[in-house]
Amino acid sequence: MSQEEAYRAASTRADERKAAFLNSAQAAKARIAPARLKQDAKDKATETLLDGAAYAAAKVQQRPTATAAATAALGLYLFRRPLGALFRRLYVRINNRKEDTSETDDG
């Protein structure tokens, strides 16, 4: 092989490697683009939520009574103040049977 042929072969290999490098760089640039990263994060969050919902649904089907009891307990805990106020008002109303007495001060 002459020096001229070796040079052409080396030049061809260099051009091929340069094209492969630029191709790889463009692919990496596309992977780290903000829009792509944002979409990947959204997809991962959606997938995680759907997997969690499926897991919770499976557990509810396994133990419906325990789930109902836990839901009722959580509801009572969250609404303890309004329920307490309601029961206090009912207690006062039952014990104070005067019809002309209003619950509020404005009559």
PDB file of N, CA and C in Angstrom:
ATOM      1  N   MET A   1       0.854  -1.167   0.000  1.00  0.00           N
ATOM      2  CA  MET A   1       0.000   0.000   0.000  1.00  0.00           C
ATOM      3  C   MET A   1       0.901   1.231   0.000  1.00  0.00           C
ATOM      4  N   SER A   2       0.602   2.138  -0.885  1.00  0.00           N
ATOM      5  CA  SER A   2       1.415   3.343  -0.982  1.00  0.00           C
ATOM      6  C   SER A   2       0.991   4.342   0.103  1.00  0.00           C
ATOM      7  N   GLN A   3       1.818   5.338   0.271  1.00  0.00           N
ATOM      8  CA  GLN A   3       1.531   6.347   1.297  1.00  0.00           C
ATOM      9  C   GLN A   3       0.258   7.128   0.961  1.00  0.00           C
ATOM     10  N   GLU A   4       0.016   7.348  -0.292  1.00  0.00           N
ATOM     11  CA  GLU A   4      -1.179   8.084  -0.709  1.00  0.00           C
ATOM     12  C   GLU A   4      -2.443   7.278  -0.391  1.00  0.00           C
ATOM     13  N   GLU A   5      -2.422   5.970  -0.643  1.00  0.00           N
ATOM     14  CA  GLU A   5      -3.568   5.111  -0.323  1.00  0.00           C
ATOM     15  C   GLU A   5      -3.773   5.014   1.184  1.00  0.00           C
ATOM     16  N   ALA A   6      -2.691   4.928   1.928  1.00  0.00           N
ATOM     17  CA  ALA A   6      -2.782   4.874   3.391  1.00  0.00           C
ATOM     18  C   ALA A   6      -3.382   6.174   3.942  1.00  0.00           C
ATOM     19  N   TYR A   7      -2.950   7.293   3.310  1.00  0.00           N
ATOM     20  CA  TYR A   7      -3.499   8.590   3.747  1.00  0.00           C
ATOM     21  C   TYR A   7      -4.996   8.665   3.477  1.00  0.00           C
ATOM     22  N   ARG A   8      -5.442   8.234   2.303  1.00  0.00           N
ATOM     23  CA  ARG A   8      -6.866   8.251   1.967  1.00  0.00           C
ATOM     24  C   ARG A   8      -7.660   7.345   2.905  1.00  0.00           C
ATOM     25  N   ALA A   9      -7.119   6.174   3.215  1.00  0.00           N
ATOM     26  CA  ALA A   9      -7.803   5.242   4.139  1.00  0.00           C
ATOM     27  C   ALA A   9      -7.901   5.859   5.534  1.00  0.00           C
ATOM     28  N   ALA A  10      -6.817   6.460   5.977  1.00  0.00           N
ATOM     29  CA  ALA A  10      -6.820   7.100   7.292  1.00  0.00           C
ATOM     30  C   ALA A  10      -7.797   8.279   7.314  1.00  0.00           C
ATOM     31  N   SER A  11      -7.831   9.034   6.233  1.00  0.00           N
ATOM     32  CA  SER A  11      -8.755  10.161   6.144  1.00  0.00           C
ATOM     33  C   SER A  11     -10.211   9.683   6.151  1.00  0.00           C
ATOM     34  N   THR A  12     -10.475   8.599   5.457  1.00  0.00           N
ATOM     35  CA  THR A  12     -11.822   8.034   5.427  1.00  0.00           C
ATOM     36  C   THR A  12     -12.229   7.551   6.818  1.00  0.00           C
ATOM     37  N   ARG A  13     -11.300   6.839   7.513  1.00  0.00           N
ATOM     38  CA  ARG A  13     -11.582   6.379   8.887  1.00  0.00           C
ATOM     39  C   ARG A  13     -11.824   7.564   9.825  1.00  0.00           C
ATOM     40  N   ALA A  14     -11.045   8.607   9.668  1.00  0.00           N
ATOM     41  CA  ALA A  14     -11.205   9.793  10.513  1.00  0.00           C
ATOM     42  C   ALA A  14     -12.557  10.448  10.274  1.00  0.00           C
ATOM     43  N   ASP A  15     -12.961  10.538   9.006  1.00  0.00           N
ATOM     44  CA  ASP A  15     -14.280  11.120   8.690  1.00  0.00           C
ATOM     45  C   ASP A  15     -15.416  10.265   9.263  1.00  0.00           C
ATOM     46  N   GLU A  16     -15.262   8.946   9.169  1.00  0.00           N
ATOM     47  CA  GLU A  16     -16.296   8.055   9.724  1.00  0.00           C
ATOM     48  C   GLU A  16     -16.394   8.205  11.239  1.00  0.00           C
ATOM     49  N   ARG A  17     -15.230   8.245  11.895  1.00  0.00           N
ATOM     50  CA  ARG A  17     -15.225   8.400  13.364  1.00  0.00           C
ATOM     51  C   ARG A  17     -15.762   9.765  13.783  1.00  0.00           C
ATOM     52  N   LYS A  18     -15.437  10.788  13.003  1.00  0.00           N
ATOM     53  CA  LYS A  18     -15.952  12.136  13.302  1.00  0.00           C
ATOM     54  C   LYS A  18     -17.479  12.161  13.162  1.00  0.00           C
ATOM     55  N   ALA A  19     -18.001  11.510  12.124  1.00  0.00           N
ATOM     56  CA  ALA A  19     -19.451  11.454  11.932  1.00  0.00           C
ATOM     57  C   ALA A  19     -20.122  10.683  13.063  1.00  0.00           C
ATOM     58  N   ALA A  20     -19.492   9.575  13.491  1.00  0.00           N
ATOM     59  CA  ALA A  20     -20.048   8.789  14.598  1.00  0.00           C
ATOM     60  C   ALA A  20     -20.036   9.606  15.889  1.00  0.00           C
ATOM     61  N   PHE A  21     -18.932  10.350  16.108  1.00  0.00           N
ATOM     62  CA  PHE A  21     -18.844  11.187  17.310  1.00  0.00           C
ATOM     63  C   PHE A  21     -19.916  12.277  17.302  1.00  0.00           C
ATOM     64  N   LEU A  22     -20.095  12.947  16.173  1.00  0.00           N
ATOM     65  CA  LEU A  22     -21.097  14.006  16.083  1.00  0.00           C
ATOM     66  C   LEU A  22     -22.509  13.437  16.254  1.00  0.00           C
ATOM     67  N   ASN A  23     -22.732  12.252  15.712  1.00  0.00           N
ATOM     68  CA  ASN A  23     -24.017  11.584  15.876  1.00  0.00           C
ATOM     69  C   ASN A  23     -24.280  11.286  17.344  1.00  0.00           C
ATOM     70  N   SER A  24     -23.253  10.768  18.013  1.00  0.00           N
ATOM     71  CA  SER A  24     -23.370  10.456  19.435  1.00  0.00           C
ATOM     72  C   SER A  24     -23.590  11.727  20.259  1.00  0.00           C
ATOM     73  N   ALA A  25     -22.899  12.796  19.909  1.00  0.00           N
ATOM     74  CA  ALA A  25     -23.055  14.069  20.624  1.00  0.00           C
ATOM     75  C   ALA A  25     -24.459  14.627  20.433  1.00  0.00           C
ATOM     76  N   GLN A  26     -25.012  14.510  19.239  1.00  0.00           N
ATOM     77  CA  GLN A  26     -26.376  14.988  19.008  1.00  0.00           C
ATOM     78  C   GLN A  26     -27.391  14.165  19.798  1.00  0.00           C
ATOM     79  N   ALA A  27     -27.170  12.862  19.871  1.00  0.00           N
ATOM     80  CA  ALA A  27     -28.075  12.007  20.642  1.00  0.00           C
ATOM     81  C   ALA A  27     -28.015  12.361  22.127  1.00  0.00           C
ATOM     82  N   ALA A  28     -26.823  12.606  22.654  1.00  0.00           N
ATOM     83  CA  ALA A  28     -26.671  12.994  24.058  1.00  0.00           C
ATOM     84  C   ALA A  28     -27.315  14.353  24.314  1.00  0.00           C
ATOM     85  N   LYS A  29     -27.149  15.268  23.390  1.00  0.00           N
ATOM     86  CA  LYS A  29     -27.749  16.598  23.524  1.00  0.00           C
ATOM     87  C   LYS A  29     -29.273  16.503  23.540  1.00  0.00           C
ATOM     88  N   ALA A  30     -29.825  15.632  22.713  1.00  0.00           N
ATOM     89  CA  ALA A  30     -31.282  15.452  22.683  1.00  0.00           C
ATOM     90  C   ALA A  30     -31.788  14.822  23.984  1.00  0.00           C
ATOM     91  N   ARG A  31     -30.979  13.926  24.590  1.00  0.00           N
ATOM     92  CA  ARG A  31     -31.393  13.266  25.832  1.00  0.00           C
ATOM     93  C   ARG A  31     -31.424  14.215  27.007  1.00  0.00           C
ATOM     94  N   ILE A  32     -30.538  15.207  27.004  1.00  0.00           N
ATOM     95  CA  ILE A  32     -30.491  16.114  28.152  1.00  0.00           C
ATOM     96  C   ILE A  32     -31.187  17.447  27.893  1.00  0.00           C
ATOM     97  N   ALA A  33     -31.979  17.504  26.866  1.00  0.00           N
ATOM     98  CA  ALA A  33     -32.742  18.724  26.584  1.00  0.00           C
ATOM     99  C   ALA A  33     -33.771  18.930  27.696  1.00  0.00           C
ATOM    100  N   PRO A  34     -34.011  20.160  28.124  1.00  0.00           N
ATOM    101  CA  PRO A  34     -34.952  20.415  29.215  1.00  0.00           C
ATOM    102  C   PRO A  34     -36.359  19.870  28.965  1.00  0.00           C
ATOM    103  N   ALA A  35     -36.839  19.996  27.757  1.00  0.00           N
ATOM    104  CA  ALA A  35     -38.187  19.488  27.459  1.00  0.00           C
ATOM    105  C   ALA A  35     -38.235  17.970  27.615  1.00  0.00           C
ATOM    106  N   ARG A  36     -37.190  17.304  27.177  1.00  0.00           N
ATOM    107  CA  ARG A  36     -37.132  15.838  27.290  1.00  0.00           C
ATOM    108  C   ARG A  36     -37.046  15.424  28.755  1.00  0.00           C
ATOM    109  N   LEU A  37     -36.210  16.109  29.533  1.00  0.00           N
ATOM    110  CA  LEU A  37     -36.096  15.792  30.957  1.00  0.00           C
ATOM    111  C   LEU A  37     -37.417  16.034  31.686  1.00  0.00           C
ATOM    112  N   LYS A  38     -38.089  17.122  31.324  1.00  0.00           N
ATOM    113  CA  LYS A  38     -39.382  17.436  31.937  1.00  0.00           C
ATOM    114  C   LYS A  38     -40.409  16.359  31.601  1.00  0.00           C
ATOM    115  N   GLN A  39     -40.449  15.929  30.367  1.00  0.00           N
ATOM    116  CA  GLN A  39     -41.391  14.888  29.955  1.00  0.00           C
ATOM    117  C   GLN A  39     -41.068  13.556  30.642  1.00  0.00           C
ATOM    118  N   ASP A  40     -39.784  13.242  30.763  1.00  0.00           N
ATOM    119  CA  ASP A  40     -39.392  12.017  31.465  1.00  0.00           C
ATOM    120  C   ASP A  40     -39.819  12.053  32.922  1.00  0.00           C
ATOM    121  N   ALA A  41     -39.674  13.205  33.568  1.00  0.00           N
ATOM    122  CA  ALA A  41     -40.095  13.335  34.962  1.00  0.00           C
ATOM    123  C   ALA A  41     -41.607  13.185  35.097  1.00  0.00           C
ATOM    124  N   LYS A  42     -42.354  13.783  34.167  1.00  0.00           N
ATOM    125  CA  LYS A  42     -43.813  13.643  34.194  1.00  0.00           C
ATOM    126  C   LYS A  42     -44.229  12.186  34.002  1.00  0.00           C
ATOM    127  N   ASP A  43     -43.590  11.525  33.046  1.00  0.00           N
ATOM    128  CA  ASP A  43     -43.913  10.119  32.789  1.00  0.00           C
ATOM    129  C   ASP A  43     -43.614   9.251  34.006  1.00  0.00           C
ATOM    130  N   LYS A  44     -42.486   9.503  34.657  1.00  0.00           N
ATOM    131  CA  LYS A  44     -42.106   8.718  35.838  1.00  0.00           C
ATOM    132  C   LYS A  44     -43.083   8.965  36.979  1.00  0.00           C
ATOM    133  N   ALA A  45     -43.488  10.221  37.187  1.00  0.00           N
ATOM    134  CA  ALA A  45     -44.438  10.537  38.252  1.00  0.00           C
ATOM    135  C   ALA A  45     -45.797   9.883  37.984  1.00  0.00           C
ATOM    136  N   THR A  46     -46.242   9.949  36.737  1.00  0.00           N
ATOM    137  CA  THR A  46     -47.519   9.330  36.373  1.00  0.00           C
ATOM    138  C   THR A  46     -47.465   7.821  36.579  1.00  0.00           C
ATOM    139  N   GLU A  47     -46.377   7.221  36.155  1.00  0.00           N
ATOM    140  CA  GLU A  47     -46.219   5.772  36.317  1.00  0.00           C
ATOM    141  C   GLU A  47     -46.203   5.387  37.791  1.00  0.00           C
ATOM    142  N   THR A  48     -45.527   6.167  38.615  1.00  0.00           N
ATOM    143  CA  THR A  48     -45.461   5.884  40.048  1.00  0.00           C
ATOM    144  C   THR A  48     -46.841   6.000  40.680  1.00  0.00           C
ATOM    145  N   LEU A  49     -47.592   7.039  40.323  1.00  0.00           N
ATOM    146  CA  LEU A  49     -48.936   7.206  40.870  1.00  0.00           C
ATOM    147  C   LEU A  49     -49.872   6.074  40.450  1.00  0.00           C
ATOM    148  N   LEU A  50     -49.787   5.678  39.202  1.00  0.00           N
ATOM    149  CA  LEU A  50     -50.642   4.594  38.722  1.00  0.00           C
ATOM    150  C   LEU A  50     -50.283   3.263  39.400  1.00  0.00           C
ATOM    151  N   ASP A  51     -48.993   3.023  39.590  1.00  0.00           N
ATOM    152  CA  ASP A  51     -48.573   1.809  40.283  1.00  0.00           C
ATOM    153  C   ASP A  51     -49.042   1.827  41.737  1.00  0.00           C
ATOM    154  N   GLY A  52     -48.946   2.984  42.390  1.00  0.00           N
ATOM    155  CA  GLY A  52     -49.414   3.107  43.773  1.00  0.00           C
ATOM    156  C   GLY A  52     -50.918   2.904  43.877  1.00  0.00           C
ATOM    157  N   ALA A  53     -51.657   3.449  42.928  1.00  0.00           N
ATOM    158  CA  ALA A  53     -53.114   3.281  42.931  1.00  0.00           C
ATOM    159  C   ALA A  53     -53.490   1.819  42.710  1.00  0.00           C
ATOM    160  N   ALA A  54     -52.783   1.150  41.816  1.00  0.00           N
ATOM    161  CA  ALA A  54     -53.062  -0.272  41.568  1.00  0.00           C
ATOM    162  C   ALA A  54     -52.740  -1.102  42.810  1.00  0.00           C
ATOM    163  N   TYR A  55     -51.643  -0.768  43.484  1.00  0.00           N
ATOM    164  CA  TYR A  55     -51.270  -1.478  44.705  1.00  0.00           C
ATOM    165  C   TYR A  55     -52.326  -1.259  45.793  1.00  0.00           C
ATOM    166  N   ALA A  56     -52.761  -0.011  45.943  1.00  0.00           N
ATOM    167  CA  ALA A  56     -53.785   0.293  46.955  1.00  0.00           C
ATOM    168  C   ALA A  56     -55.100  -0.409  46.630  1.00  0.00           C
ATOM    169  N   ALA A  57     -55.481  -0.440  45.370  1.00  0.00           N
ATOM    170  CA  ALA A  57     -56.719  -1.121  44.975  1.00  0.00           C
ATOM    171  C   ALA A  57     -56.630  -2.616  45.273  1.00  0.00           C
ATOM    172  N   ALA A  58     -55.480  -3.199  45.038  1.00  0.00           N
ATOM    173  CA  ALA A  58     -55.308  -4.625  45.335  1.00  0.00           C
ATOM    174  C   ALA A  58     -55.418  -4.886  46.837  1.00  0.00           C
ATOM    175  N   LYS A  59     -54.845  -4.004  47.641  1.00  0.00           N
ATOM    176  CA  LYS A  59     -54.927  -4.170  49.103  1.00  0.00           C
ATOM    177  C   LYS A  59     -56.352  -3.975  49.598  1.00  0.00           C
ATOM    178  N   VAL A  60     -57.080  -3.041  49.001  1.00  0.00           N
ATOM    179  CA  VAL A  60     -58.477  -2.816  49.389  1.00  0.00           C
ATOM    180  C   VAL A  60     -59.311  -4.046  49.059  1.00  0.00           C
ATOM    181  N   GLN A  61     -59.052  -4.674  47.934  1.00  0.00           N
ATOM    182  CA  GLN A  61     -59.794  -5.880  47.580  1.00  0.00           C
ATOM    183  C   GLN A  61     -59.457  -7.035  48.514  1.00  0.00           C
ATOM    184  N   GLN A  62     -58.232  -7.067  49.017  1.00  0.00           N
ATOM    185  CA  GLN A  62     -57.850  -8.133  49.936  1.00  0.00           C
ATOM    186  C   GLN A  62     -58.507  -7.958  51.304  1.00  0.00           C
ATOM    187  N   ARG A  63     -58.590  -6.720  51.780  1.00  0.00           N
ATOM    188  CA  ARG A  63     -59.106  -6.453  53.127  1.00  0.00           C
ATOM    189  C   ARG A  63     -60.093  -5.289  53.110  1.00  0.00           C
ATOM    190  N   PRO A  64     -61.324  -5.518  52.633  1.00  0.00           N
ATOM    191  CA  PRO A  64     -62.282  -4.412  52.538  1.00  0.00           C
ATOM    192  C   PRO A  64     -62.751  -3.910  53.910  1.00  0.00           C
ATOM    193  N   THR A  65     -62.904  -4.786  54.866  1.00  0.00           N
ATOM    194  CA  THR A  65     -63.381  -4.367  56.191  1.00  0.00           C
ATOM    195  C   THR A  65     -62.346  -3.492  56.889  1.00  0.00           C
ATOM    196  N   ALA A  66     -61.107  -3.919  56.859  1.00  0.00           N
ATOM    197  CA  ALA A  66     -60.046  -3.127  57.492  1.00  0.00           C
ATOM    198  C   ALA A  66     -59.911  -1.769  56.811  1.00  0.00           C
ATOM    199  N   THR A  67     -60.064  -1.743  55.501  1.00  0.00           N
ATOM    200  CA  THR A  67     -59.974  -0.483  54.770  1.00  0.00           C
ATOM    201  C   THR A  67     -61.118   0.453  55.151  1.00  0.00           C
ATOM    202  N   ALA A  68     -62.321  -0.102  55.259  1.00  0.00           N
ATOM    203  CA  ALA A  68     -63.476   0.723  55.652  1.00  0.00           C
ATOM    204  C   ALA A  68     -63.288   1.269  57.059  1.00  0.00           C
ATOM    205  N   ALA A  69     -62.792   0.436  57.963  1.00  0.00           N
ATOM    206  CA  ALA A  69     -62.570   0.894  59.341  1.00  0.00           C
ATOM    207  C   ALA A  69     -61.499   1.985  59.386  1.00  0.00           C
ATOM    208  N   ALA A  70     -60.420   1.797  58.642  1.00  0.00           N
ATOM    209  CA  ALA A  70     -59.360   2.805  58.627  1.00  0.00           C
ATOM    210  C   ALA A  70     -59.848   4.112  58.001  1.00  0.00           C
ATOM    211  N   THR A  71     -60.648   4.013  56.950  1.00  0.00           N
ATOM    212  CA  THR A  71     -61.200   5.214  56.314  1.00  0.00           C
ATOM    213  C   THR A  71     -62.146   5.946  57.256  1.00  0.00           C
ATOM    214  N   ALA A  72     -62.978   5.188  57.966  1.00  0.00           N
ATOM    215  CA  ALA A  72     -63.897   5.817  58.928  1.00  0.00           C
ATOM    216  C   ALA A  72     -63.127   6.491  60.053  1.00  0.00           C
ATOM    217  N   ALA A  73     -62.091   5.827  60.551  1.00  0.00           N
ATOM    218  CA  ALA A  73     -61.283   6.420  61.622  1.00  0.00           C
ATOM    219  C   ALA A  73     -60.596   7.693  61.146  1.00  0.00           C
ATOM    220  N   LEU A  74     -60.074   7.670  59.936  1.00  0.00           N
ATOM    221  CA  LEU A  74     -59.436   8.869  59.395  1.00  0.00           C
ATOM    222  C   LEU A  74     -60.450   9.998  59.213  1.00  0.00           C
ATOM    223  N   GLY A  75     -61.642   9.655  58.731  1.00  0.00           N
ATOM    224  CA  GLY A  75     -62.688  10.667  58.575  1.00  0.00           C
ATOM    225  C   GLY A  75     -63.097  11.274  59.900  1.00  0.00           C
ATOM    226  N   LEU A  76     -63.258  10.444  60.903  1.00  0.00           N
ATOM    227  CA  LEU A  76     -63.592  10.971  62.229  1.00  0.00           C
ATOM    228  C   LEU A  76     -62.476  11.849  62.776  1.00  0.00           C
ATOM    229  N   TYR A  77     -61.246  11.462  62.550  1.00  0.00           N
ATOM    230  CA  TYR A  77     -60.120  12.266  63.020  1.00  0.00           C
ATOM    231  C   TYR A  77     -60.089  13.622  62.319  1.00  0.00           C
ATOM    232  N   LEU A  78     -60.303  13.620  61.009  1.00  0.00           N
ATOM    233  CA  LEU A  78     -60.249  14.872  60.260  1.00  0.00           C
ATOM    234  C   LEU A  78     -61.406  15.811  60.589  1.00  0.00           C
ATOM    235  N   PHE A  79     -62.582  15.245  60.913  1.00  0.00           N
ATOM    236  CA  PHE A  79     -63.752  16.069  61.178  1.00  0.00           C
ATOM    237  C   PHE A  79     -64.093  16.125  62.657  1.00  0.00           C
ATOM    238  N   ARG A  80     -63.107  15.956  63.530  1.00  0.00           N
ATOM    239  CA  ARG A  80     -63.396  15.912  64.969  1.00  0.00           C
ATOM    240  C   ARG A  80     -63.905  17.248  65.500  1.00  0.00           C
ATOM    241  N   ARG A  81     -63.385  18.350  65.023  1.00  0.00           N
ATOM    242  CA  ARG A  81     -63.846  19.649  65.521  1.00  0.00           C
ATOM    243  C   ARG A  81     -65.268  19.960  65.070  1.00  0.00           C
ATOM    244  N   PRO A  82     -65.585  19.828  63.783  1.00  0.00           N
ATOM    245  CA  PRO A  82     -66.982  20.092  63.403  1.00  0.00           C
ATOM    246  C   PRO A  82     -67.959  19.127  64.066  1.00  0.00           C
ATOM    247  N   LEU A  83     -67.569  17.877  64.214  1.00  0.00           N
ATOM    248  CA  LEU A  83     -68.451  16.919  64.881  1.00  0.00           C
ATOM    249  C   LEU A  83     -68.610  17.256  66.355  1.00  0.00           C
ATOM    250  N   GLY A  84     -67.509  17.660  66.984  1.00  0.00           N
ATOM    251  CA  GLY A  84     -67.581  18.061  68.395  1.00  0.00           C
ATOM    252  C   GLY A  84     -68.497  19.264  68.571  1.00  0.00           C
ATOM    253  N   ALA A  85     -68.380  20.244  67.679  1.00  0.00           N
ATOM    254  CA  ALA A  85     -69.237  21.423  67.755  1.00  0.00           C
ATOM    255  C   ALA A  85     -70.702  21.033  67.550  1.00  0.00           C
ATOM    256  N   LEU A  86     -70.957  20.137  66.616  1.00  0.00           N
ATOM    257  CA  LEU A  86     -72.323  19.678  66.376  1.00  0.00           C
ATOM    258  C   LEU A  86     -72.893  18.981  67.606  1.00  0.00           C
ATOM    259  N   PHE A  87     -72.116  18.088  68.183  1.00  0.00           N
ATOM    260  CA  PHE A  87     -72.620  17.367  69.358  1.00  0.00           C
ATOM    261  C   PHE A  87     -72.788  18.291  70.556  1.00  0.00           C
ATOM    262  N   ARG A  88     -71.911  19.275  70.735  1.00  0.00           N
ATOM    263  CA  ARG A  88     -72.095  20.234  71.826  1.00  0.00           C
ATOM    264  C   ARG A  88     -73.378  21.029  71.624  1.00  0.00           C
ATOM    265  N   ARG A  89     -73.626  21.467  70.388  1.00  0.00           N
ATOM    266  CA  ARG A  89     -74.831  22.226  70.087  1.00  0.00           C
ATOM    267  C   ARG A  89     -76.080  21.378  70.351  1.00  0.00           C
ATOM    268  N   LEU A  90     -76.023  20.116  69.920  1.00  0.00           N
ATOM    269  CA  LEU A  90     -77.161  19.223  70.175  1.00  0.00           C
ATOM    270  C   LEU A  90     -77.354  18.986  71.667  1.00  0.00           C
ATOM    271  N   TYR A  91     -76.280  18.844  72.415  1.00  0.00           N
ATOM    272  CA  TYR A  91     -76.366  18.644  73.861  1.00  0.00           C
ATOM    273  C   TYR A  91     -77.026  19.845  74.526  1.00  0.00           C
ATOM    274  N   VAL A  92     -76.607  21.044  74.125  1.00  0.00           N
ATOM    275  CA  VAL A  92     -77.206  22.255  74.689  1.00  0.00           C
ATOM    276  C   VAL A  92     -78.677  22.338  74.303  1.00  0.00           C
ATOM    277  N   ARG A  93     -79.004  22.012  73.090  1.00  0.00           N
ATOM    278  CA  ARG A  93     -80.378  22.090  72.622  1.00  0.00           C
ATOM    279  C   ARG A  93     -81.268  21.089  73.363  1.00  0.00           C
ATOM    280  N   ILE A  94     -80.747  19.904  73.606  1.00  0.00           N
ATOM    281  CA  ILE A  94     -81.529  18.890  74.317  1.00  0.00           C
ATOM    282  C   ILE A  94     -81.726  19.294  75.774  1.00  0.00           C
ATOM    283  N   ASN A  95     -80.694  19.803  76.414  1.00  0.00           N
ATOM    284  CA  ASN A  95     -80.794  20.173  77.831  1.00  0.00           C
ATOM    285  C   ASN A  95     -81.523  21.486  78.047  1.00  0.00           C
ATOM    286  N   ASN A  96     -81.507  22.382  77.111  1.00  0.00           N
ATOM    287  CA  ASN A  96     -82.157  23.678  77.249  1.00  0.00           C
ATOM    288  C   ASN A  96     -83.364  23.686  76.316  1.00  0.00           C
ATOM    289  N   ARG A  97     -84.531  23.297  76.814  1.00  0.00           N
ATOM    290  CA  ARG A  97     -85.715  23.115  75.979  1.00  0.00           C
ATOM    291  C   ARG A  97     -86.563  24.374  75.847  1.00  0.00           C
ATOM    292  N   LYS A  98     -86.079  25.513  76.243  1.00  0.00           N
ATOM    293  CA  LYS A  98     -86.845  26.744  76.090  1.00  0.00           C
ATOM    294  C   LYS A  98     -86.905  27.113  74.622  1.00  0.00           C
ATOM    295  N   GLU A  99     -88.086  27.188  74.076  1.00  0.00           N
ATOM    296  CA  GLU A  99     -88.262  27.456  72.647  1.00  0.00           C
ATOM    297  C   GLU A  99     -87.960  28.904  72.286  1.00  0.00           C
ATOM    298  N   ASP A 100     -88.147  29.828  73.228  1.00  0.00           N
ATOM    299  CA  ASP A 100     -87.920  31.228  72.908  1.00  0.00           C
ATOM    300  C   ASP A 100     -86.445  31.620  72.970  1.00  0.00           C
ATOM    301  N   THR A 101     -85.586  30.732  73.418  1.00  0.00           N
ATOM    302  CA  THR A 101     -84.153  31.030  73.483  1.00  0.00           C
ATOM    303  C   THR A 101     -83.506  30.647  72.155  1.00  0.00           C
ATOM    304  N   SER A 102     -82.838  31.612  71.559  1.00  0.00           N
ATOM    305  CA  SER A 102     -82.163  31.384  70.285  1.00  0.00           C
ATOM    306  C   SER A 102     -80.761  30.849  70.527  1.00  0.00           C
ATOM    307  N   GLU A 103     -80.230  30.198  69.524  1.00  0.00           N
ATOM    308  CA  GLU A 103     -78.849  29.720  69.620  1.00  0.00           C
ATOM    309  C   GLU A 103     -77.861  30.839  69.456  1.00  0.00           C
ATOM    310  N   THR A 104     -78.248  31.898  68.774  1.00  0.00           N
ATOM    311  CA  THR A 104     -77.351  33.032  68.564  1.00  0.00           C
ATOM    312  C   THR A 104     -77.820  34.204  69.397  1.00  0.00           C
ATOM    313  N   ASP A 105     -76.957  35.180  69.574  1.00  0.00           N
ATOM    314  CA  ASP A 105     -77.284  36.331  70.392  1.00  0.00           C
ATOM    315  C   ASP A 105     -78.152  37.349  69.678  1.00  0.00           C
ATOM    316  N   ASP A 106     -78.242  37.273  68.367  1.00  0.00           N
ATOM    317  CA  ASP A 106     -78.986  38.294  67.643  1.00  0.00           C
ATOM    318  C   ASP A 106     -80.476  37.993  67.556  1.00  0.00           C
ATOM    319  N   GLY A 107     -80.918  36.921  68.144  1.00  0.00           N
ATOM    320  CA  GLY A 107     -82.353  36.640  68.233  1.00  0.00           C
ATOM    321  C   GLY A 107     -82.854  35.875  67.086  1.00  0.00           C
TER     322      GLY A 107
END
